[in-house]
Every structure is written in C-alpha cells, then in structure tokens.
C-alpha cells in the first residue's frame, strides 16, 4: 500500500504512533511521516528536536 501511494506521488502518514517499536516498523516500511504522542504531545507549537531524535 505504501509503495502504491508513493507511485502516485503521495506521502504516507502513520497516525496515532505511541510506541518506539511501532514507529520503527512503520519507518522501515517506507512511511514518510509519523504522528502521535511518541513524537510530541498535542500542542499548538511544534518543538520536537528531530535532529537529535533516535528510534
């Protein structure tokens, strides 16, 4: 499904990712974006340190 979306030029978002194992599996599968409390609690500002994050 991810490959088909990429062939159509779409980005794939993994929503509601709460655990590192789930994020790692999605990332290794080719997902483009991860959304959920693992990355950052819901807030009006995005201030997650992507440069130093490690899964």
N, C-alpha and C. Protein backbone atom coordinates (compact mmCIF):
# COMPACT_ATOMS: atom_id res chain seq x y z
N UNK A 1 0.82 -1.18 0.00
CA UNK A 1 0.00 0.00 0.00
C UNK A 1 0.88 1.26 0.00
N UNK A 2 1.95 1.23 0.78
CA UNK A 2 2.86 2.37 0.82
C UNK A 2 3.50 2.59 -0.54
N UNK A 3 3.96 1.51 -1.17
CA UNK A 3 4.58 1.63 -2.49
C UNK A 3 3.59 2.19 -3.51
N UNK A 4 2.35 1.73 -3.46
CA UNK A 4 1.33 2.25 -4.39
C UNK A 4 1.11 3.74 -4.18
N UNK A 5 1.05 4.18 -2.93
CA UNK A 5 0.87 5.60 -2.64
C UNK A 5 2.06 6.41 -3.16
N UNK A 6 3.26 5.90 -2.95
CA UNK A 6 4.45 6.61 -3.43
C UNK A 6 4.47 6.70 -4.96
N UNK A 7 4.03 5.64 -5.64
CA UNK A 7 3.97 5.68 -7.11
C UNK A 7 3.02 6.76 -7.59
N UNK A 8 1.99 7.05 -6.79
CA UNK A 8 1.03 8.09 -7.13
C UNK A 8 1.51 9.48 -6.68
N UNK A 9 2.70 9.54 -6.08
CA UNK A 9 3.25 10.82 -5.63
C UNK A 9 2.70 11.29 -4.29
N UNK A 10 2.12 10.37 -3.53
CA UNK A 10 1.54 10.72 -2.23
C UNK A 10 2.51 10.45 -1.09
N UNK A 11 2.40 11.23 -0.03
CA UNK A 11 3.12 10.96 1.21
C UNK A 11 2.23 10.11 2.11
N UNK A 12 2.84 9.24 2.88
CA UNK A 12 2.09 8.34 3.76
C UNK A 12 2.35 8.74 5.21
N UNK A 13 1.26 8.94 5.96
CA UNK A 13 1.35 9.34 7.37
C UNK A 13 0.92 8.16 8.24
N UNK A 14 1.73 7.86 9.26
CA UNK A 14 1.35 6.87 10.26
C UNK A 14 0.77 7.59 11.46
N UNK A 15 -0.56 7.57 11.65
CA UNK A 15 -1.18 8.29 12.76
C UNK A 15 -1.19 7.49 14.05
N UNK A 16 -1.33 8.17 15.16
CA UNK A 16 -1.50 7.57 16.49
C UNK A 16 -0.38 6.61 16.85
N UNK A 17 0.86 6.96 16.54
CA UNK A 17 2.01 6.13 16.88
C UNK A 17 2.41 6.47 18.31
N UNK A 18 2.35 5.48 19.19
CA UNK A 18 2.58 5.73 20.61
C UNK A 18 3.82 5.01 21.14
N UNK A 19 4.36 4.04 20.41
CA UNK A 19 5.48 3.24 20.91
C UNK A 19 6.63 3.22 19.91
N UNK A 20 7.87 3.21 20.40
CA UNK A 20 9.03 3.20 19.50
C UNK A 20 9.05 2.00 18.55
N UNK A 21 8.59 0.85 19.00
CA UNK A 21 8.60 -0.34 18.13
C UNK A 21 7.68 -0.13 16.93
N UNK A 22 6.53 0.45 17.17
CA UNK A 22 5.60 0.72 16.07
C UNK A 22 6.16 1.75 15.11
N UNK A 23 6.80 2.78 15.65
CA UNK A 23 7.40 3.81 14.81
C UNK A 23 8.52 3.22 13.95
N UNK A 24 9.34 2.37 14.56
CA UNK A 24 10.45 1.75 13.82
C UNK A 24 9.93 0.87 12.69
N UNK A 25 8.89 0.09 12.97
CA UNK A 25 8.31 -0.78 11.95
C UNK A 25 7.76 0.04 10.79
N UNK A 26 7.03 1.10 11.11
CA UNK A 26 6.48 1.96 10.06
C UNK A 26 7.59 2.61 9.25
N UNK A 27 8.61 3.11 9.94
CA UNK A 27 9.71 3.80 9.26
C UNK A 27 10.44 2.84 8.32
N UNK A 28 10.69 1.63 8.78
CA UNK A 28 11.38 0.63 7.95
C UNK A 28 10.50 0.19 6.77
N UNK A 29 9.20 0.38 6.88
CA UNK A 29 8.28 0.01 5.80
C UNK A 29 8.19 1.09 4.73
N UNK A 30 8.79 2.25 5.00
CA UNK A 30 8.81 3.31 3.99
C UNK A 30 7.85 4.45 4.24
N UNK A 31 7.26 4.50 5.43
CA UNK A 31 6.34 5.59 5.75
C UNK A 31 7.07 6.92 5.71
N UNK A 32 6.37 7.99 5.36
CA UNK A 32 7.01 9.30 5.22
C UNK A 32 6.93 10.15 6.49
N UNK A 33 5.83 10.08 7.18
CA UNK A 33 5.62 10.91 8.36
C UNK A 33 5.01 10.08 9.49
N UNK A 34 5.41 10.39 10.71
CA UNK A 34 4.87 9.71 11.89
C UNK A 34 4.19 10.76 12.76
N UNK A 35 2.98 10.44 13.20
CA UNK A 35 2.19 11.36 14.01
C UNK A 35 1.75 10.63 15.28
N UNK A 36 1.79 11.29 16.40
CA UNK A 36 1.31 10.69 17.63
C UNK A 36 2.08 11.16 18.84
N UNK A 37 1.69 10.69 20.02
CA UNK A 37 2.30 11.14 21.26
C UNK A 37 3.76 10.70 21.39
N UNK A 38 4.19 9.70 20.66
CA UNK A 38 5.60 9.32 20.69
C UNK A 38 6.47 10.47 20.23
N UNK A 39 6.01 11.18 19.22
CA UNK A 39 6.76 12.30 18.66
C UNK A 39 6.60 13.53 19.55
N UNK A 40 5.36 13.91 19.84
CA UNK A 40 5.09 15.09 20.66
C UNK A 40 3.64 15.05 21.10
N UNK A 41 3.38 15.42 22.34
CA UNK A 41 2.01 15.56 22.83
C UNK A 41 1.32 16.63 21.99
N UNK A 42 0.02 16.53 21.86
CA UNK A 42 -0.75 17.52 21.11
C UNK A 42 -0.52 18.91 21.69
N UNK A 43 -0.19 19.85 20.82
CA UNK A 43 0.12 21.21 21.24
C UNK A 43 0.00 22.12 20.03
N UNK A 44 -0.14 23.39 20.28
CA UNK A 44 -0.23 24.36 19.19
C UNK A 44 1.10 24.64 18.52
N UNK A 45 2.20 24.28 19.18
CA UNK A 45 3.54 24.55 18.63
C UNK A 45 4.29 23.24 18.42
N UNK A 46 5.03 23.18 17.33
CA UNK A 46 5.87 22.01 17.07
C UNK A 46 7.28 22.34 17.52
N UNK A 47 7.73 21.70 18.60
CA UNK A 47 9.07 21.99 19.09
C UNK A 47 9.86 20.71 19.37
N UNK A 48 9.55 19.64 18.66
CA UNK A 48 10.25 18.38 18.81
C UNK A 48 11.64 18.49 18.17
N UNK A 49 12.65 17.96 18.82
CA UNK A 49 14.03 18.04 18.32
C UNK A 49 14.31 16.87 17.37
N UNK A 50 13.92 17.02 16.11
CA UNK A 50 14.08 15.95 15.13
C UNK A 50 15.55 15.63 14.87
N UNK A 51 16.42 16.62 14.98
CA UNK A 51 17.84 16.42 14.67
C UNK A 51 18.51 15.46 15.63
N UNK A 52 18.03 15.37 16.86
CA UNK A 52 18.67 14.52 17.87
C UNK A 52 17.80 13.35 18.31
N UNK A 53 16.68 13.13 17.65
CA UNK A 53 15.79 12.02 18.00
C UNK A 53 16.34 10.72 17.44
N UNK A 54 16.22 9.65 18.22
CA UNK A 54 16.68 8.32 17.80
C UNK A 54 15.58 7.33 18.10
N UNK A 55 15.27 6.48 17.14
CA UNK A 55 14.29 5.41 17.36
C UNK A 55 15.02 4.17 17.78
